[in-house]
């Protein structure tokens, strides 16, 4: 949870048995009183609200997933948020859309949830924890679930987040993450997880940086250092480009949307870029719209200009 959470007001939830409390008769269409069905037998009442204490970075997708999971748990309290559903609510970068399927897990031996829009699992490895008004599986068990559920590139992004500073995800050392992945002998995707661990890096600040680094390596280019300390005579302290080839003085900066929205961040970026250029660094700036072919070509040209074999 963020050190500075925020309060979010969401439509109140109710079950079919509670229709009368929300001003609806047994046969009255729910839409006639501003109620919307979320799951079979569960509705949200637009005329009433409930308050959720959410992380400061919670976006519309986070809010939608929290509401859908909370609605499901009103009728299936044994259904624990898991896999990418739990990962999204924990702030991990997963390829999850608001209209994607919910993943929930029940104790082994219990009948998994079978509902439209829901993927049900049953597992012996279940330890429910309260989180922002819903119940999700314990964080380390979620990592094991993701190992058997995500492609390796997406799993590397998760590990980068765990080792880095993206949002409020737990800070782990590489040794702690390795212990987490090797401490359990049998789980689906273990081999993929251990391979992803060798390619994860500490200090990554966004999933966009992960995707950029992986694309650079996939293009056959040398892997840049992540957030190296660069000391320039004109600055009092070291700066940390997102990625860099320090020897040939080439910096790679990934410009996420938060850079434009945060004026202080933007000012610091401008100062850093100016200092690098004054000291004859090549600065390659990338956004999420920059194609991999384009930025890899620019990096290759910069390396060749600095006489680095590629």
Protein backbone atom coordinates (compact mmCIF):
# COMPACT_ATOMS: atom_id res chain seq x y z
CA UNK A 1 0.00 0.00 0.00
CA UNK A 2 1.18 3.50 -0.77
CA UNK A 3 2.47 5.73 2.02
CA UNK A 4 -0.19 8.24 0.90
CA UNK A 5 -3.31 6.25 -0.11
CA UNK A 6 -6.39 7.90 -1.53
CA UNK A 7 -10.10 7.47 -0.88
CA UNK A 8 -12.20 6.35 -3.83
CA UNK A 9 -15.99 6.32 -3.80
CA UNK A 10 -17.51 3.45 -5.80
CA UNK A 11 -21.12 2.35 -6.32
CA UNK A 12 -22.37 0.19 -3.46
CA UNK A 13 -22.78 -3.54 -4.14
CA UNK A 14 -25.76 -5.71 -3.27
CA UNK A 15 -27.04 -9.23 -3.89
CA UNK A 16 -30.40 -10.30 -5.30
CA UNK A 17 -31.61 -11.12 -1.79
CA UNK A 18 -31.04 -7.48 -0.78
CA UNK A 19 -33.04 -5.90 -3.63
CA UNK A 20 -35.73 -4.54 -1.29
CA UNK A 21 -33.14 -2.62 0.74
CA UNK A 22 -32.13 -0.86 -2.47
CA UNK A 23 -35.68 0.10 -3.45
CA UNK A 24 -36.29 -2.74 -5.92
CA UNK A 25 -39.13 -5.24 -5.96
CA UNK A 26 -38.46 -8.87 -6.82
CA UNK A 27 -39.67 -8.40 -10.40
CA UNK A 28 -38.55 -4.82 -11.05
CA UNK A 29 -35.78 -4.41 -13.67
CA UNK A 30 -32.62 -3.28 -11.92
CA UNK A 31 -31.85 -0.65 -14.55
CA UNK A 32 -35.08 1.19 -13.61
CA UNK A 33 -33.46 2.31 -10.35
CA UNK A 34 -29.93 2.89 -11.60
CA UNK A 35 -28.64 -0.55 -10.64
CA UNK A 36 -26.28 -2.47 -12.91
CA UNK A 37 -25.54 -6.19 -12.82
CA UNK A 38 -21.84 -6.95 -12.29
CA UNK A 39 -22.07 -10.72 -11.91
CA UNK A 40 -25.01 -13.09 -11.81
CA UNK A 41 -26.92 -12.17 -8.66
CA UNK A 42 -24.70 -9.15 -7.82
CA UNK A 43 -25.45 -5.53 -8.64
CA UNK A 44 -24.06 -2.08 -8.08
CA UNK A 45 -26.31 0.74 -6.91
CA UNK A 46 -25.40 4.06 -8.56
CA UNK A 47 -27.41 5.89 -5.87
CA UNK A 48 -25.26 4.65 -2.99
CA UNK A 49 -21.52 4.54 -2.54
CA UNK A 50 -18.86 2.61 -0.70
CA UNK A 51 -15.39 3.93 0.10
CA UNK A 52 -12.23 2.09 -0.87
CA UNK A 53 -8.80 3.11 0.44
CA UNK A 54 -6.65 2.66 -2.66
CA UNK A 55 -3.00 3.22 -3.59
CA UNK A 56 -2.25 6.72 -4.87
CA UNK A 57 -1.44 5.26 -8.32
CA UNK A 58 -4.75 3.38 -8.70
CA UNK A 59 -6.04 3.99 -12.23
CA UNK A 60 -9.40 3.23 -13.91
CA UNK A 61 -8.31 -0.35 -14.68
CA UNK A 62 -7.35 -0.93 -11.03
CA UNK A 63 -10.71 0.48 -9.90
CA UNK A 64 -12.68 -1.65 -12.37
CA UNK A 65 -10.89 -4.84 -11.31
CA UNK A 66 -11.34 -4.07 -7.60
CA UNK A 67 -15.07 -3.49 -8.11
CA UNK A 68 -15.56 -6.69 -10.09
CA UNK A 69 -13.61 -8.77 -7.59
CA UNK A 70 -15.45 -7.23 -4.62
CA UNK A 71 -18.76 -7.96 -6.36
CA UNK A 72 -17.83 -11.59 -6.95
CA UNK A 73 -16.72 -12.03 -3.35
CA UNK A 74 -20.13 -10.91 -2.06
CA UNK A 75 -21.55 -14.19 -3.40
CA UNK A 76 -18.38 -16.31 -3.38
CA UNK A 77 -16.42 -15.25 -0.30
CA UNK A 78 -14.14 -18.26 -0.76
CA UNK A 79 -12.96 -16.92 -4.15
CA UNK A 80 -9.57 -15.28 -3.60
CA UNK A 81 -8.08 -12.90 -6.19
CA UNK A 82 -5.07 -14.57 -7.80
CA UNK A 83 -2.76 -14.62 -10.83
CA UNK A 84 -2.91 -11.40 -12.90
CA UNK A 85 -5.93 -10.11 -10.94
CA UNK A 86 -3.98 -10.11 -7.68
CA UNK A 87 -0.83 -8.86 -9.42
CA UNK A 88 -2.63 -5.82 -10.84
CA UNK A 89 -4.11 -4.93 -7.45
CA UNK A 90 -0.62 -5.23 -5.90
CA UNK A 91 0.78 -2.80 -8.47
CA UNK A 92 2.74 -5.28 -10.56
CA UNK A 93 2.98 -4.62 -14.32
CA UNK A 94 0.91 -7.33 -15.97
CA UNK A 95 -0.71 -7.40 -19.42
CA UNK A 96 -4.17 -6.86 -17.95
CA UNK A 97 -7.08 -4.90 -19.41
CA UNK A 98 -10.17 -3.81 -17.51
CA UNK A 99 -12.31 -6.10 -19.68
CA UNK A 100 -10.05 -9.13 -19.10
CA UNK A 101 -11.12 -12.20 -17.18
CA UNK A 102 -10.95 -12.22 -13.40
CA UNK A 103 -8.71 -14.93 -11.94
CA UNK A 104 -9.83 -16.32 -8.58
CA UNK A 105 -8.70 -19.35 -6.60
CA UNK A 106 -10.53 -21.47 -4.04
CA UNK A 107 -9.05 -24.07 -1.66
CA UNK A 108 -8.13 -27.41 -3.21
CA UNK A 109 -11.06 -29.80 -3.03
CA UNK A 110 -13.56 -26.96 -3.45
CA UNK A 111 -15.41 -26.52 -6.72
CA UNK A 112 -13.72 -23.71 -8.72
CA UNK A 113 -15.80 -20.69 -9.68
CA UNK A 114 -17.55 -21.11 -13.03
CA UNK A 115 -19.03 -17.81 -14.12
CA UNK A 116 -18.89 -15.68 -17.28
CA UNK A 117 -15.86 -13.40 -17.21
CA UNK A 118 -14.13 -15.42 -14.49
CA UNK A 119 -11.35 -18.02 -14.59
CA UNK A 120 -11.59 -20.26 -11.55
CA UNK A 121 -8.70 -22.19 -10.03
CA UNK A 122 -8.31 -24.50 -7.03
CA UNK A 123 -5.02 -24.75 -5.16
CA UNK A 124 -3.38 -26.04 -1.99
CA UNK A 125 -1.17 -22.93 -2.06
CA UNK A 126 -3.67 -20.37 -0.87
CA UNK A 127 -3.27 -17.85 1.94
CA UNK A 128 -5.89 -15.07 1.59
CA UNK A 129 -4.94 -11.56 2.65
CA UNK A 130 -7.13 -8.47 2.88
CA UNK A 131 -6.07 -5.80 0.40
CA UNK A 132 -7.95 -2.58 -0.39
CA UNK A 133 -11.37 -4.02 0.40
CA UNK A 134 -10.94 -7.41 -1.30
CA UNK A 135 -9.14 -10.69 -0.55
CA UNK A 136 -6.19 -11.75 -2.64
CA UNK A 137 -3.58 -14.47 -2.36
CA UNK A 138 -0.34 -13.86 -0.45
CA UNK A 139 2.21 -11.95 -2.52
CA UNK A 140 4.88 -14.66 -2.86
CA UNK A 141 2.25 -17.20 -3.91
CA UNK A 142 1.03 -14.75 -6.56
CA UNK A 143 4.56 -14.67 -7.99
CA UNK A 144 4.50 -18.46 -8.29
CA UNK A 145 1.11 -18.25 -10.01
CA UNK A 146 2.42 -15.72 -12.52
CA UNK A 147 5.39 -17.96 -13.36
CA UNK A 148 3.05 -20.46 -14.95
CA UNK A 149 0.75 -17.88 -16.47
CA UNK A 150 2.86 -15.17 -18.16
CA UNK A 151 5.19 -15.12 -21.12
CA UNK A 152 8.83 -14.67 -20.23
CA UNK A 153 9.00 -11.00 -21.30
CA UNK A 154 6.02 -10.12 -19.10
CA UNK A 155 7.53 -12.12 -16.23
CA UNK A 156 10.81 -10.22 -16.56
CA UNK A 157 8.82 -6.97 -16.25
CA UNK A 158 7.28 -8.27 -13.01
CA UNK A 159 10.70 -9.19 -11.63
CA UNK A 160 12.14 -5.82 -12.68
CA UNK A 161 9.31 -4.17 -10.73
CA UNK A 162 10.02 -6.28 -7.65
CA UNK A 163 13.71 -5.37 -7.84
CA UNK A 164 13.07 -1.73 -8.77
CA UNK A 165 11.04 1.26 -7.70
CA UNK A 166 7.94 1.10 -9.92
CA UNK A 167 4.86 2.29 -7.99
CA UNK A 168 4.74 0.79 -4.50
CA UNK A 169 5.74 -2.77 -5.25
CA UNK A 170 7.90 -4.51 -2.61
CA UNK A 171 11.61 -3.85 -2.83
CA UNK A 172 13.43 -7.16 -3.04
CA UNK A 173 17.07 -7.94 -3.57
CA UNK A 174 18.05 -10.36 -6.31
CA UNK A 175 19.00 -12.87 -3.60
CA UNK A 176 15.59 -12.58 -1.91
CA UNK A 177 13.78 -13.02 -5.23
CA UNK A 178 15.97 -16.02 -6.06
CA UNK A 179 15.15 -17.58 -2.67
CA UNK A 180 11.45 -17.01 -3.34
CA UNK A 181 11.66 -18.73 -6.74
CA UNK A 182 13.88 -21.64 -5.69
CA UNK A 183 12.44 -22.24 -2.21
CA UNK A 184 9.45 -24.07 -3.65
CA UNK A 185 10.51 -27.08 -5.69
CA UNK A 186 7.38 -27.84 -7.68
CA UNK A 187 5.25 -25.21 -9.38
CA UNK A 188 4.21 -24.58 -12.95
CA UNK A 189 6.61 -22.31 -14.84
CA UNK A 190 9.54 -22.74 -12.42
CA UNK A 191 12.07 -23.10 -15.24
CA UNK A 192 10.71 -20.01 -17.00
CA UNK A 193 10.84 -18.06 -13.74
CA UNK A 194 14.49 -18.94 -13.12
CA UNK A 195 15.40 -17.93 -16.67
CA UNK A 196 13.49 -14.65 -16.26
CA UNK A 197 15.40 -14.03 -13.03
CA UNK A 198 18.73 -14.13 -14.90
CA UNK A 199 17.42 -11.41 -17.25
CA UNK A 200 15.81 -9.18 -14.60
CA UNK A 201 17.69 -6.09 -13.44
CA UNK A 202 17.58 -3.93 -10.34
CA UNK A 203 16.88 -0.20 -10.58
CA UNK A 204 14.27 -0.31 -13.36
CA UNK A 205 11.66 2.43 -12.90
CA UNK A 206 8.92 1.46 -15.36
CA UNK A 207 7.69 -1.44 -17.52
CA UNK A 208 8.50 0.67 -20.58
CA UNK A 209 12.17 0.57 -19.61
CA UNK A 210 11.98 -3.21 -19.37
CA UNK A 211 10.43 -3.53 -22.82
CA UNK A 212 13.06 -1.18 -24.26
CA UNK A 213 15.97 -3.12 -22.74
CA UNK A 214 14.62 -6.47 -23.92
CA UNK A 215 14.12 -5.10 -27.45
CA UNK A 216 17.71 -3.81 -27.51
CA UNK A 217 19.07 -7.23 -26.55
CA UNK A 218 16.73 -9.01 -28.99
CA UNK A 219 18.16 -6.84 -31.78
CA UNK A 220 21.63 -8.22 -31.08
CA UNK A 221 22.93 -5.03 -29.47
CA UNK A 222 24.97 -4.96 -26.24
CA UNK A 223 22.80 -4.76 -23.14
CA UNK A 224 23.00 -1.27 -21.59
CA UNK A 225 23.49 -0.75 -17.86
CA UNK A 226 20.35 0.11 -15.90
CA UNK A 227 20.42 3.43 -14.01
CA UNK A 228 24.23 3.66 -13.73
CA UNK A 229 25.76 6.46 -11.67
CA UNK A 230 27.19 9.09 -14.04
CA UNK A 231 29.28 11.91 -12.59
CA UNK A 232 29.63 15.10 -14.60
CA UNK A 233 31.87 18.05 -13.65
CA UNK A 234 29.02 20.55 -14.01
CA UNK A 235 26.69 18.78 -11.57
CA UNK A 236 27.13 18.45 -7.78
CA UNK A 237 25.85 14.87 -7.61
CA UNK A 238 25.74 11.81 -9.82
CA UNK A 239 22.83 11.40 -12.22
CA UNK A 240 21.22 8.14 -13.26
CA UNK A 241 20.07 7.80 -16.87
CA UNK A 242 17.44 5.09 -17.35
CA UNK A 243 19.99 3.06 -19.32
CA UNK A 244 23.47 3.83 -20.63
CA UNK A 245 26.66 2.63 -22.20
CA UNK A 246 28.93 4.52 -19.84
CA UNK A 247 32.24 3.97 -21.64
CA UNK A 248 31.15 5.35 -25.03
CA UNK A 249 28.92 7.96 -23.33
CA UNK A 250 25.54 6.97 -24.73
CA UNK A 251 22.42 7.48 -22.59
CA UNK A 252 18.98 6.01 -23.30
CA UNK A 253 16.02 7.71 -21.66
CA UNK A 254 12.50 6.28 -21.65
CA UNK A 255 9.94 9.10 -21.43
CA UNK A 256 6.79 7.82 -19.76
CA UNK A 257 3.61 9.95 -19.63
CA UNK A 258 4.34 10.89 -15.99
CA UNK A 259 7.38 12.88 -17.15
CA UNK A 260 5.14 15.35 -19.00
CA UNK A 261 2.57 15.58 -16.19
CA UNK A 262 5.05 16.18 -13.36
CA UNK A 263 6.63 19.61 -13.89
CA UNK A 264 9.37 19.01 -11.31
CA UNK A 265 10.28 15.73 -13.00
CA UNK A 266 10.30 17.42 -16.40
CA UNK A 267 12.59 20.20 -15.13
CA UNK A 268 15.01 17.63 -13.71
CA UNK A 269 14.96 15.73 -16.99
CA UNK A 270 15.80 18.87 -18.99
CA UNK A 271 18.67 19.71 -16.66
CA UNK A 272 20.03 16.17 -16.89
CA UNK A 273 19.81 16.04 -20.69
CA UNK A 274 21.52 19.41 -21.02
CA UNK A 275 24.39 18.35 -18.76
CA UNK A 276 24.90 15.10 -20.65
CA UNK A 277 24.98 16.85 -24.02
CA UNK A 278 27.39 19.52 -22.75
CA UNK A 279 29.77 16.73 -21.78
CA UNK A 280 29.47 15.15 -25.24
CA UNK A 281 27.11 12.36 -24.40
CA UNK A 282 24.69 11.07 -27.03
CA UNK A 283 21.18 11.04 -25.55
CA UNK A 284 18.56 8.83 -27.20
CA UNK A 285 15.04 9.60 -25.99
CA UNK A 286 12.25 7.03 -26.38
CA UNK A 287 8.51 7.04 -25.76
CA UNK A 288 6.03 4.18 -25.85
CA UNK A 289 5.19 5.17 -29.43
CA UNK A 290 8.78 4.86 -30.63
CA UNK A 291 9.12 1.64 -32.60
CA UNK A 292 11.77 -0.86 -31.54
CA UNK A 293 13.18 -0.78 -35.08
CA UNK A 294 13.69 2.97 -34.84
CA UNK A 295 15.35 3.21 -31.44
CA UNK A 296 17.51 0.13 -32.09
CA UNK A 297 18.71 1.74 -35.32
CA UNK A 298 19.56 4.94 -33.45
CA UNK A 299 21.42 3.01 -30.77
CA UNK A 300 23.35 1.00 -33.37
CA UNK A 301 24.36 4.21 -35.17
CA UNK A 302 25.47 5.80 -31.89
CA UNK A 303 27.56 2.76 -30.99
CA UNK A 304 29.19 2.75 -34.42
CA UNK A 305 29.87 6.48 -34.12
CA UNK A 306 31.70 5.79 -30.85
CA UNK A 307 33.59 2.88 -32.45
CA UNK A 308 31.87 0.19 -30.37
CA UNK A 309 31.73 -3.15 -32.23
CA UNK A 310 28.14 -4.27 -32.83
